[in-house]
PDB file of all heavy atoms in Angstrom:
ATOM      1  N   LEU A   1     -11.437   6.556   0.062  1.00  0.00           N
ATOM      2  CA  LEU A   1     -10.194   6.084   0.657  1.00  0.00           C
ATOM      3  C   LEU A   1      -9.739   4.808  -0.039  1.00  0.00           C
ATOM      4  O   LEU A   1     -10.572   4.045  -0.554  1.00  0.00           O
ATOM      5  CB  LEU A   1     -10.367   5.789   2.149  1.00  0.00           C
ATOM      6  CG  LEU A   1     -10.651   6.966   3.085  1.00  0.00           C
ATOM      7  CD1 LEU A   1     -10.957   6.441   4.486  1.00  0.00           C
ATOM      8  CD2 LEU A   1      -9.483   7.947   3.125  1.00  0.00           C
ATOM      9  N   TYR A   2      -8.452   4.585  -0.037  1.00  0.00           N
ATOM     10  CA  TYR A   2      -7.897   3.298  -0.464  1.00  0.00           C
ATOM     11  C   TYR A   2      -7.669   2.441   0.778  1.00  0.00           C
ATOM     12  O   TYR A   2      -7.160   2.935   1.791  1.00  0.00           O
ATOM     13  CB  TYR A   2      -6.589   3.496  -1.223  1.00  0.00           C
ATOM     14  CG  TYR A   2      -6.796   3.843  -2.673  1.00  0.00           C
ATOM     15  CD1 TYR A   2      -7.249   5.097  -3.040  1.00  0.00           C
ATOM     16  CD2 TYR A   2      -6.581   2.902  -3.671  1.00  0.00           C
ATOM     17  CE1 TYR A   2      -7.472   5.421  -4.378  1.00  0.00           C
ATOM     18  CE2 TYR A   2      -6.796   3.210  -5.006  1.00  0.00           C
ATOM     19  CZ  TYR A   2      -7.250   4.460  -5.350  1.00  0.00           C
ATOM     20  OH  TYR A   2      -7.476   4.767  -6.666  1.00  0.00           O
ATOM     21  N   VAL A   3      -8.056   1.184   0.701  1.00  0.00           N
ATOM     22  CA  VAL A   3      -7.905   0.252   1.819  1.00  0.00           C
ATOM     23  C   VAL A   3      -7.031  -0.909   1.342  1.00  0.00           C
ATOM     24  O   VAL A   3      -7.415  -1.657   0.438  1.00  0.00           O
ATOM     25  CB  VAL A   3      -9.263  -0.273   2.313  1.00  0.00           C
ATOM     26  CG1 VAL A   3      -9.079  -1.175   3.533  1.00  0.00           C
ATOM     27  CG2 VAL A   3     -10.213   0.880   2.636  1.00  0.00           C
ATOM     28  N   ILE A   4      -5.858  -1.032   1.937  1.00  0.00           N
ATOM     29  CA  ILE A   4      -4.899  -2.072   1.547  1.00  0.00           C
ATOM     30  C   ILE A   4      -4.685  -2.999   2.736  1.00  0.00           C
ATOM     31  O   ILE A   4      -4.384  -2.540   3.840  1.00  0.00           O
ATOM     32  CB  ILE A   4      -3.567  -1.451   1.099  1.00  0.00           C
ATOM     33  CG1 ILE A   4      -3.798  -0.506  -0.092  1.00  0.00           C
ATOM     34  CG2 ILE A   4      -2.556  -2.536   0.733  1.00  0.00           C
ATOM     35  CD1 ILE A   4      -2.559   0.261  -0.519  1.00  0.00           C
ATOM     36  N   THR A   5      -4.834  -4.298   2.499  1.00  0.00           N
ATOM     37  CA  THR A   5      -4.698  -5.292   3.564  1.00  0.00           C
ATOM     38  C   THR A   5      -3.648  -6.324   3.172  1.00  0.00           C
ATOM     39  O   THR A   5      -3.636  -6.809   2.042  1.00  0.00           O
ATOM     40  CB  THR A   5      -6.044  -5.996   3.828  1.00  0.00           C
ATOM     41  OG1 THR A   5      -7.035  -5.015   4.136  1.00  0.00           O
ATOM     42  CG2 THR A   5      -5.934  -6.974   4.993  1.00  0.00           C
ATOM     43  N   THR A   6      -2.782  -6.658   4.112  1.00  0.00           N
ATOM     44  CA  THR A   6      -1.754  -7.673   3.872  1.00  0.00           C
ATOM     45  C   THR A   6      -2.280  -9.037   4.312  1.00  0.00           C
ATOM     46  O   THR A   6      -3.295  -9.148   4.985  1.00  0.00           O
ATOM     47  CB  THR A   6      -0.469  -7.346   4.649  1.00  0.00           C
ATOM     48  OG1 THR A   6      -0.750  -7.400   6.056  1.00  0.00           O
ATOM     49  CG2 THR A   6       0.051  -5.967   4.287  1.00  0.00           C
ATOM     50  N   PHE A   7      -1.531 -10.090   3.954  1.00  0.00           N
ATOM     51  CA  PHE A   7      -1.942 -11.440   4.307  1.00  0.00           C
ATOM     52  C   PHE A   7      -1.891 -11.691   5.815  1.00  0.00           C
ATOM     53  O   PHE A   7      -2.538 -12.613   6.312  1.00  0.00           O
ATOM     54  CB  PHE A   7      -1.082 -12.478   3.568  1.00  0.00           C
ATOM     55  CG  PHE A   7      -1.613 -12.814   2.211  1.00  0.00           C
ATOM     56  CD1 PHE A   7      -1.103 -12.204   1.079  1.00  0.00           C
ATOM     57  CD2 PHE A   7      -2.638 -13.745   2.055  1.00  0.00           C
ATOM     58  CE1 PHE A   7      -1.596 -12.519  -0.188  1.00  0.00           C
ATOM     59  CE2 PHE A   7      -3.138 -14.062   0.802  1.00  0.00           C
ATOM     60  CZ  PHE A   7      -2.615 -13.450  -0.325  1.00  0.00           C
ATOM     61  N   ASP A   8      -1.130 -10.894   6.543  1.00  0.00           N
ATOM     62  CA  ASP A   8      -1.126 -11.068   8.009  1.00  0.00           C
ATOM     63  C   ASP A   8      -2.066 -10.075   8.687  1.00  0.00           C
ATOM     64  O   ASP A   8      -1.938  -9.774   9.875  1.00  0.00           O
ATOM     65  CB  ASP A   8       0.292 -10.958   8.577  1.00  0.00           C
ATOM     66  CG  ASP A   8       0.866  -9.558   8.466  1.00  0.00           C
ATOM     67  OD1 ASP A   8       0.351  -8.757   7.653  1.00  0.00           O
ATOM     68  OD2 ASP A   8       1.837  -9.257   9.184  1.00  0.00           O
ATOM     69  N   ASN A   9      -3.032  -9.552   7.885  1.00  0.00           N
ATOM     70  CA  ASN A   9      -4.145  -8.727   8.398  1.00  0.00           C
ATOM     71  C   ASN A   9      -3.738  -7.342   8.898  1.00  0.00           C
ATOM     72  O   ASN A   9      -4.422  -6.773   9.761  1.00  0.00           O
ATOM     73  CB  ASN A   9      -4.913  -9.481   9.495  1.00  0.00           C
ATOM     74  CG  ASN A   9      -5.654 -10.668   8.944  1.00  0.00           C
ATOM     75  OD1 ASN A   9      -6.250 -10.598   7.870  1.00  0.00           O
ATOM     76  ND2 ASN A   9      -5.625 -11.785   9.667  1.00  0.00           N
ATOM     77  N   ARG A  10      -2.696  -6.784   8.360  1.00  0.00           N
ATOM     78  CA  ARG A  10      -2.410  -5.372   8.591  1.00  0.00           C
ATOM     79  C   ARG A  10      -3.187  -4.577   7.544  1.00  0.00           C
ATOM     80  O   ARG A  10      -3.163  -4.913   6.363  1.00  0.00           O
ATOM     81  CB  ARG A  10      -0.924  -5.080   8.461  1.00  0.00           C
ATOM     82  CG  ARG A  10      -0.032  -5.893   9.384  1.00  0.00           C
ATOM     83  CD  ARG A  10       1.425  -5.643   9.043  1.00  0.00           C
ATOM     84  NE  ARG A  10       2.294  -6.632   9.593  1.00  0.00           N
ATOM     85  CZ  ARG A  10       3.197  -6.408  10.557  1.00  0.00           C
ATOM     86  NH1 ARG A  10       3.290  -5.193  11.069  1.00  0.00           N
ATOM     87  NH2 ARG A  10       3.973  -7.372  10.993  1.00  0.00           N
ATOM     88  N   THR A  11      -3.835  -3.511   7.961  1.00  0.00           N
ATOM     89  CA  THR A  11      -4.650  -2.716   7.044  1.00  0.00           C
ATOM     90  C   THR A  11      -4.300  -1.237   7.184  1.00  0.00           C
ATOM     91  O   THR A  11      -4.093  -0.735   8.288  1.00  0.00           O
ATOM     92  CB  THR A  11      -6.148  -2.906   7.330  1.00  0.00           C
ATOM     93  OG1 THR A  11      -6.506  -4.270   7.090  1.00  0.00           O
ATOM     94  CG2 THR A  11      -6.998  -2.022   6.411  1.00  0.00           C
ATOM     95  N   ILE A  12      -4.230  -0.574   6.053  1.00  0.00           N
ATOM     96  CA  ILE A  12      -4.092   0.874   6.041  1.00  0.00           C
ATOM     97  C   ILE A  12      -5.205   1.464   5.210  1.00  0.00           C
ATOM     98  O   ILE A  12      -5.532   0.958   4.129  1.00  0.00           O
ATOM     99  CB  ILE A  12      -2.714   1.326   5.504  1.00  0.00           C
ATOM    100  CG1 ILE A  12      -2.647   2.864   5.452  1.00  0.00           C
ATOM    101  CG2 ILE A  12      -2.403   0.713   4.141  1.00  0.00           C
ATOM    102  CD1 ILE A  12      -1.277   3.410   5.108  1.00  0.00           C
ATOM    103  N   GLU A  13      -5.838   2.517   5.724  1.00  0.00           N
ATOM    104  CA  GLU A  13      -6.804   3.312   4.980  1.00  0.00           C
ATOM    105  C   GLU A  13      -6.201   4.694   4.804  1.00  0.00           C
ATOM    106  O   GLU A  13      -5.778   5.332   5.772  1.00  0.00           O
ATOM    107  CB  GLU A  13      -8.126   3.406   5.727  1.00  0.00           C
ATOM    108  CG  GLU A  13      -8.838   2.073   5.898  1.00  0.00           C
ATOM    109  CD  GLU A  13     -10.237   2.218   6.484  1.00  0.00           C
ATOM    110  OE1 GLU A  13     -10.671   3.370   6.713  1.00  0.00           O
ATOM    111  OE2 GLU A  13     -10.891   1.190   6.713  1.00  0.00           O
ATOM    112  N   CYS A  14      -6.157   5.166   3.564  1.00  0.00           N
ATOM    113  CA  CYS A  14      -5.526   6.455   3.296  1.00  0.00           C
ATOM    114  C   CYS A  14      -6.033   7.008   1.977  1.00  0.00           C
ATOM    115  O   CYS A  14      -6.713   6.318   1.212  1.00  0.00           O
ATOM    116  CB  CYS A  14      -4.004   6.317   3.268  1.00  0.00           C
ATOM    117  SG  CYS A  14      -3.385   5.195   1.989  1.00  0.00           S
ATOM    118  N   THR A  15      -5.672   8.246   1.701  1.00  0.00           N
ATOM    119  CA  THR A  15      -5.995   8.824   0.398  1.00  0.00           C
ATOM    120  C   THR A  15      -5.118   8.178  -0.672  1.00  0.00           C
ATOM    121  O   THR A  15      -4.058   7.630  -0.386  1.00  0.00           O
ATOM    122  CB  THR A  15      -5.755  10.337   0.418  1.00  0.00           C
ATOM    123  OG1 THR A  15      -4.425  10.608   0.872  1.00  0.00           O
ATOM    124  CG2 THR A  15      -6.750  11.032   1.326  1.00  0.00           C
ATOM    125  N   GLY A  16      -5.565   8.253  -1.906  1.00  0.00           N
ATOM    126  CA  GLY A  16      -4.908   7.546  -2.988  1.00  0.00           C
ATOM    127  C   GLY A  16      -3.481   7.970  -3.235  1.00  0.00           C
ATOM    128  O   GLY A  16      -2.673   7.194  -3.733  1.00  0.00           O
ATOM    129  N   ASN A  17      -3.144   9.213  -2.887  1.00  0.00           N
ATOM    130  CA  ASN A  17      -1.796   9.687  -3.191  1.00  0.00           C
ATOM    131  C   ASN A  17      -0.858   9.627  -1.987  1.00  0.00           C
ATOM    132  O   ASN A  17       0.217  10.221  -2.024  1.00  0.00           O
ATOM    133  CB  ASN A  17      -1.843  11.119  -3.747  1.00  0.00           C
ATOM    134  CG  ASN A  17      -2.476  12.094  -2.771  1.00  0.00           C
ATOM    135  OD1 ASN A  17      -3.021  11.687  -1.751  1.00  0.00           O
ATOM    136  ND2 ASN A  17      -2.435  13.367  -3.113  1.00  0.00           N
ATOM    137  N   HIS A  18      -1.263   8.915  -0.941  1.00  0.00           N
ATOM    138  CA  HIS A  18      -0.357   8.819   0.222  1.00  0.00           C
ATOM    139  C   HIS A  18       0.707   7.754  -0.041  1.00  0.00           C
ATOM    140  O   HIS A  18       0.381   6.594  -0.272  1.00  0.00           O
ATOM    141  CB  HIS A  18      -1.123   8.483   1.494  1.00  0.00           C
ATOM    142  CG  HIS A  18      -0.362   8.911   2.723  1.00  0.00           C
ATOM    143  ND1 HIS A  18      -0.840   9.835   3.599  1.00  0.00           N
ATOM    144  CD2 HIS A  18       0.865   8.562   3.174  1.00  0.00           C
ATOM    145  CE1 HIS A  18       0.044  10.036   4.564  1.00  0.00           C
ATOM    146  NE2 HIS A  18       1.099   9.269   4.315  1.00  0.00           N
ATOM    147  N   PRO A  19       1.993   8.116   0.008  1.00  0.00           N
ATOM    148  CA  PRO A  19       3.054   7.133  -0.258  1.00  0.00           C
ATOM    149  C   PRO A  19       3.237   6.148   0.900  1.00  0.00           C
ATOM    150  O   PRO A  19       3.290   6.542   2.069  1.00  0.00           O
ATOM    151  CB  PRO A  19       4.305   8.002  -0.442  1.00  0.00           C
ATOM    152  CG  PRO A  19       3.796   9.382  -0.719  1.00  0.00           C
ATOM    153  CD  PRO A  19       2.526   9.489   0.062  1.00  0.00           C
ATOM    154  N   ILE A  20       3.337   4.882   0.546  1.00  0.00           N
ATOM    155  CA  ILE A  20       3.544   3.788   1.491  1.00  0.00           C
ATOM    156  C   ILE A  20       4.855   3.101   1.120  1.00  0.00           C
ATOM    157  O   ILE A  20       5.143   2.917  -0.070  1.00  0.00           O
ATOM    158  CB  ILE A  20       2.368   2.793   1.427  1.00  0.00           C
ATOM    159  CG1 ILE A  20       1.047   3.503   1.769  1.00  0.00           C
ATOM    160  CG2 ILE A  20       2.590   1.601   2.355  1.00  0.00           C
ATOM    161  CD1 ILE A  20      -0.188   2.676   1.456  1.00  0.00           C
ATOM    162  N   LEU A  21       5.638   2.698   2.115  1.00  0.00           N
ATOM    163  CA  LEU A  21       6.912   2.072   1.818  1.00  0.00           C
ATOM    164  C   LEU A  21       6.711   0.629   1.369  1.00  0.00           C
ATOM    165  O   LEU A  21       6.101  -0.184   2.064  1.00  0.00           O
ATOM    166  CB  LEU A  21       7.832   2.102   3.045  1.00  0.00           C
ATOM    167  CG  LEU A  21       9.269   1.642   2.798  1.00  0.00           C
ATOM    168  CD1 LEU A  21       9.964   2.512   1.747  1.00  0.00           C
ATOM    169  CD2 LEU A  21      10.062   1.641   4.101  1.00  0.00           C
ATOM    170  N   THR A  22       7.237   0.312   0.193  1.00  0.00           N
ATOM    171  CA  THR A  22       7.141  -1.029  -0.379  1.00  0.00           C
ATOM    172  C   THR A  22       8.540  -1.531  -0.703  1.00  0.00           C
ATOM    173  O   THR A  22       9.532  -0.802  -0.539  1.00  0.00           O
ATOM    174  CB  THR A  22       6.296  -1.033  -1.668  1.00  0.00           C
ATOM    175  OG1 THR A  22       7.074  -0.454  -2.741  1.00  0.00           O
ATOM    176  CG2 THR A  22       5.011  -0.242  -1.502  1.00  0.00           C
ATOM    177  N   ASP A  23       8.626  -2.757  -1.199  1.00  0.00           N
ATOM    178  CA  ASP A  23       9.932  -3.283  -1.609  1.00  0.00           C
ATOM    179  C   ASP A  23      10.445  -2.608  -2.872  1.00  0.00           C
ATOM    180  O   ASP A  23      11.580  -2.846  -3.298  1.00  0.00           O
ATOM    181  CB  ASP A  23       9.867  -4.804  -1.795  1.00  0.00           C
ATOM    182  CG  ASP A  23       8.814  -5.228  -2.804  1.00  0.00           C
ATOM    183  OD1 ASP A  23       7.959  -4.406  -3.179  1.00  0.00           O
ATOM    184  OD2 ASP A  23       8.834  -6.399  -3.217  1.00  0.00           O
ATOM    185  N   LYS A  24       9.648  -1.735  -3.480  1.00  0.00           N
ATOM    186  CA  LYS A  24      10.064  -0.941  -4.641  1.00  0.00           C
ATOM    187  C   LYS A  24      10.241   0.521  -4.265  1.00  0.00           C
ATOM    188  O   LYS A  24      10.288   1.391  -5.129  1.00  0.00           O
ATOM    189  CB  LYS A  24       9.035  -1.066  -5.763  1.00  0.00           C
ATOM    190  CG  LYS A  24       8.798  -2.483  -6.245  1.00  0.00           C
ATOM    191  CD  LYS A  24      10.039  -3.106  -6.852  1.00  0.00           C
ATOM    192  CE  LYS A  24       9.752  -4.494  -7.405  1.00  0.00           C
ATOM    193  NZ  LYS A  24      10.976  -5.157  -7.913  1.00  0.00           N
ATOM    194  N   GLY A  25      10.338   0.798  -2.964  1.00  0.00           N
ATOM    195  CA  GLY A  25      10.417   2.181  -2.504  1.00  0.00           C
ATOM    196  C   GLY A  25       9.033   2.701  -2.172  1.00  0.00           C
ATOM    197  O   GLY A  25       8.060   1.950  -2.078  1.00  0.00           O
ATOM    198  N   TYR A  26       8.925   4.001  -1.996  1.00  0.00           N
ATOM    199  CA  TYR A  26       7.624   4.595  -1.716  1.00  0.00           C
ATOM    200  C   TYR A  26       6.762   4.576  -2.972  1.00  0.00           C
ATOM    201  O   TYR A  26       7.187   5.014  -4.044  1.00  0.00           O
ATOM    202  CB  TYR A  26       7.772   6.042  -1.255  1.00  0.00           C
ATOM    203  CG  TYR A  26       8.245   6.192   0.171  1.00  0.00           C
ATOM    204  CD1 TYR A  26       9.531   6.649   0.448  1.00  0.00           C
ATOM    205  CD2 TYR A  26       7.419   5.876   1.241  1.00  0.00           C
ATOM    206  CE1 TYR A  26       9.972   6.793   1.749  1.00  0.00           C
ATOM    207  CE2 TYR A  26       7.845   6.020   2.546  1.00  0.00           C
ATOM    208  CZ  TYR A  26       9.126   6.478   2.791  1.00  0.00           C
ATOM    209  OH  TYR A  26       9.553   6.603   4.083  1.00  0.00           O
ATOM    210  N   LEU A  27       5.530   4.079  -2.830  1.00  0.00           N
ATOM    211  CA  LEU A  27       4.539   4.121  -3.893  1.00  0.00           C
ATOM    212  C   LEU A  27       3.258   4.719  -3.341  1.00  0.00           C
ATOM    213  O   LEU A  27       2.885   4.461  -2.187  1.00  0.00           O
ATOM    214  CB  LEU A  27       4.242   2.715  -4.432  1.00  0.00           C
ATOM    215  CG  LEU A  27       5.359   1.989  -5.175  1.00  0.00           C
ATOM    216  CD1 LEU A  27       4.903   0.583  -5.557  1.00  0.00           C
ATOM    217  CD2 LEU A  27       5.781   2.758  -6.419  1.00  0.00           C
ATOM    218  N   ARG A  28       2.600   5.523  -4.170  1.00  0.00           N
ATOM    219  CA  ARG A  28       1.276   6.018  -3.788  1.00  0.00           C
ATOM    220  C   ARG A  28       0.321   4.846  -3.619  1.00  0.00           C
ATOM    221  O   ARG A  28       0.453   3.815  -4.295  1.00  0.00           O
ATOM    222  CB  ARG A  28       0.750   6.941  -4.880  1.00  0.00           C
ATOM    223  CG  ARG A  28       1.451   8.262  -4.995  1.00  0.00           C
ATOM    224  CD  ARG A  28       1.095   8.966  -6.298  1.00  0.00           C
ATOM    225  NE  ARG A  28      -0.324   8.957  -6.602  1.00  0.00           N
ATOM    226  CZ  ARG A  28      -1.080  10.047  -6.765  1.00  0.00           C
ATOM    227  NH1 ARG A  28      -0.525  11.236  -6.630  1.00  0.00           N
ATOM    228  NH2 ARG A  28      -2.355   9.946  -7.063  1.00  0.00           N
ATOM    229  N   ALA A  29      -0.645   5.024  -2.727  1.00  0.00           N
ATOM    230  CA  ALA A  29      -1.618   3.941  -2.504  1.00  0.00           C
ATOM    231  C   ALA A  29      -2.334   3.559  -3.787  1.00  0.00           C
ATOM    232  O   ALA A  29      -2.603   2.377  -4.025  1.00  0.00           O
ATOM    233  CB  ALA A  29      -2.630   4.372  -1.442  1.00  0.00           C
ATOM    234  N   ASP A  30      -2.619   4.533  -4.643  1.00  0.00           N
ATOM    235  CA  ASP A  30      -3.338   4.216  -5.880  1.00  0.00           C
ATOM    236  C   ASP A  30      -2.425   3.657  -6.973  1.00  0.00           C
ATOM    237  O   ASP A  30      -2.873   3.337  -8.063  1.00  0.00           O
ATOM    238  CB  ASP A  30      -4.117   5.431  -6.394  1.00  0.00           C
ATOM    239  CG  ASP A  30      -3.253   6.648  -6.648  1.00  0.00           C
ATOM    240  OD1 ASP A  30      -2.001   6.525  -6.612  1.00  0.00           O
ATOM    241  OD2 ASP A  30      -3.809   7.744  -6.871  1.00  0.00           O
ATOM    242  N   GLU A  31      -1.117   3.537  -6.682  1.00  0.00           N
ATOM    243  CA  GLU A  31      -0.179   2.905  -7.621  1.00  0.00           C
ATOM    244  C   GLU A  31       0.189   1.485  -7.188  1.00  0.00           C
ATOM    245  O   GLU A  31       0.834   0.759  -7.942  1.00  0.00           O
ATOM    246  CB  GLU A  31       1.105   3.736  -7.712  1.00  0.00           C
ATOM    247  CG  GLU A  31       0.915   5.113  -8.316  1.00  0.00           C
ATOM    248  CD  GLU A  31       2.179   5.939  -8.268  1.00  0.00           C
ATOM    249  OE1 GLU A  31       3.059   5.659  -7.441  1.00  0.00           O
ATOM    250  OE2 GLU A  31       2.284   6.894  -9.063  1.00  0.00           O
ATOM    251  N   ILE A  32      -0.215   1.104  -5.984  1.00  0.00           N
ATOM    252  CA  ILE A  32       0.170  -0.195  -5.453  1.00  0.00           C
ATOM    253  C   ILE A  32      -0.758  -1.273  -5.998  1.00  0.00           C
ATOM    254  O   ILE A  32      -1.973  -1.091  -6.099  1.00  0.00           O
ATOM    255  CB  ILE A  32       0.124  -0.172  -3.908  1.00  0.00           C
ATOM    256  CG1 ILE A  32       1.237   0.738  -3.378  1.00  0.00           C
ATOM    257  CG2 ILE A  32       0.269  -1.575  -3.321  1.00  0.00           C
ATOM    258  CD1 ILE A  32       1.214   0.922  -1.879  1.00  0.00           C
ATOM    259  N   SER A  33      -0.178  -2.432  -6.347  1.00  0.00           N
ATOM    260  CA  SER A  33      -0.949  -3.582  -6.808  1.00  0.00           C
ATOM    261  C   SER A  33      -0.579  -4.790  -5.950  1.00  0.00           C
ATOM    262  O   SER A  33       0.321  -4.736  -5.107  1.00  0.00           O
ATOM    263  CB  SER A  33      -0.647  -3.888  -8.285  1.00  0.00           C
ATOM    264  OG  SER A  33       0.652  -4.434  -8.420  1.00  0.00           O
ATOM    265  N   LYS A  34      -1.261  -5.899  -6.187  1.00  0.00           N
ATOM    266  CA  LYS A  34      -0.971  -7.123  -5.433  1.00  0.00           C
ATOM    267  C   LYS A  34       0.391  -7.700  -5.781  1.00  0.00           C
ATOM    268  O   LYS A  34       0.877  -8.600  -5.082  1.00  0.00           O
ATOM    269  CB  LYS A  34      -2.075  -8.160  -5.679  1.00  0.00           C
ATOM    270  CG  LYS A  34      -3.409  -7.794  -5.052  1.00  0.00           C
ATOM    271  CD  LYS A  34      -4.438  -8.900  -5.260  1.00  0.00           C
ATOM    272  CE  LYS A  34      -5.757  -8.546  -4.610  1.00  0.00           C
ATOM    273  NZ  LYS A  34      -6.777  -9.612  -4.786  1.00  0.00           N
ATOM    274  N   GLN A  35       1.013  -7.199  -6.831  1.00  0.00           N
ATOM    275  CA  GLN A  35       2.360  -7.643  -7.170  1.00  0.00           C
ATOM    276  C   GLN A  35       3.422  -6.965  -6.290  1.00  0.00           C
ATOM    277  O   GLN A  35       4.576  -7.386  -6.258  1.00  0.00           O
ATOM    278  CB  GLN A  35       2.660  -7.360  -8.641  1.00  0.00           C
ATOM    279  CG  GLN A  35       2.046  -8.353  -9.614  1.00  0.00           C
ATOM    280  CD  GLN A  35       0.532  -8.288  -9.640  1.00  0.00           C
ATOM    281  OE1 GLN A  35      -0.038  -7.209  -9.803  1.00  0.00           O
ATOM    282  NE2 GLN A  35      -0.129  -9.428  -9.489  1.00  0.00           N
ATOM    283  N   ASN A  36       3.019  -5.909  -5.592  1.00  0.00           N
ATOM    284  CA  ASN A  36       3.937  -5.223  -4.695  1.00  0.00           C
ATOM    285  C   ASN A  36       3.901  -5.856  -3.308  1.00  0.00           C
ATOM    286  O   ASN A  36       2.953  -6.572  -2.957  1.00  0.00           O
ATOM    287  CB  ASN A  36       3.567  -3.736  -4.579  1.00  0.00           C
ATOM    288  CG  ASN A  36       3.662  -3.004  -5.897  1.00  0.00           C
ATOM    289  OD1 ASN A  36       2.681  -2.428  -6.373  1.00  0.00           O
ATOM    290  ND2 ASN A  36       4.835  -3.017  -6.506  1.00  0.00           N
ATOM    291  N   ASN A  37       4.922  -5.587  -2.530  1.00  0.00           N
ATOM    292  CA  ASN A  37       4.984  -6.018  -1.138  1.00  0.00           C
ATOM    293  C   ASN A  37       5.200  -4.794  -0.255  1.00  0.00           C
ATOM    294  O   ASN A  37       5.946  -3.878  -0.624  1.00  0.00           O
ATOM    295  CB  ASN A  37       6.123  -7.007  -0.909  1.00  0.00           C
ATOM    296  CG  ASN A  37       5.945  -8.278  -1.737  1.00  0.00           C
ATOM    297  OD1 ASN A  37       4.919  -8.933  -1.676  1.00  0.00           O
ATOM    298  ND2 ASN A  37       6.965  -8.610  -2.524  1.00  0.00           N
ATOM    299  N   ILE A  38       4.548  -4.763   0.903  1.00  0.00           N
ATOM    300  CA  ILE A  38       4.666  -3.643   1.825  1.00  0.00           C
ATOM    301  C   ILE A  38       5.740  -3.954   2.865  1.00  0.00           C
ATOM    302  O   ILE A  38       5.831  -5.071   3.367  1.00  0.00           O
ATOM    303  CB  ILE A  38       3.310  -3.353   2.494  1.00  0.00           C
ATOM    304  CG1 ILE A  38       2.344  -2.769   1.455  1.00  0.00           C
ATOM    305  CG2 ILE A  38       3.460  -2.397   3.663  1.00  0.00           C
ATOM    306  CD1 ILE A  38       0.965  -2.472   2.009  1.00  0.00           C
ATOM    307  N   ILE A  39       6.549  -2.944   3.189  1.00  0.00           N
ATOM    308  CA  ILE A  39       7.530  -3.080   4.255  1.00  0.00           C
ATOM    309  C   ILE A  39       6.872  -2.709   5.576  1.00  0.00           C
ATOM    310  O   ILE A  39       6.295  -1.624   5.711  1.00  0.00           O
ATOM    311  CB  ILE A  39       8.754  -2.172   4.020  1.00  0.00           C
ATOM    312  CG1 ILE A  39       9.355  -2.426   2.630  1.00  0.00           C
ATOM    313  CG2 ILE A  39       9.795  -2.383   5.108  1.00  0.00           C
ATOM    314  CD1 ILE A  39       9.861  -3.823   2.423  1.00  0.00           C
TER     315      ILE A  39
END
């Protein structure tokens, strides 16, 4: 699983290809980096 945590302690665990809404649109979890921001 990919585990992504924000600075305000929101966490998502999901498969690598699950799209998450970011400020760049939907990105797969395995494409997201710390340079991205989650909506």
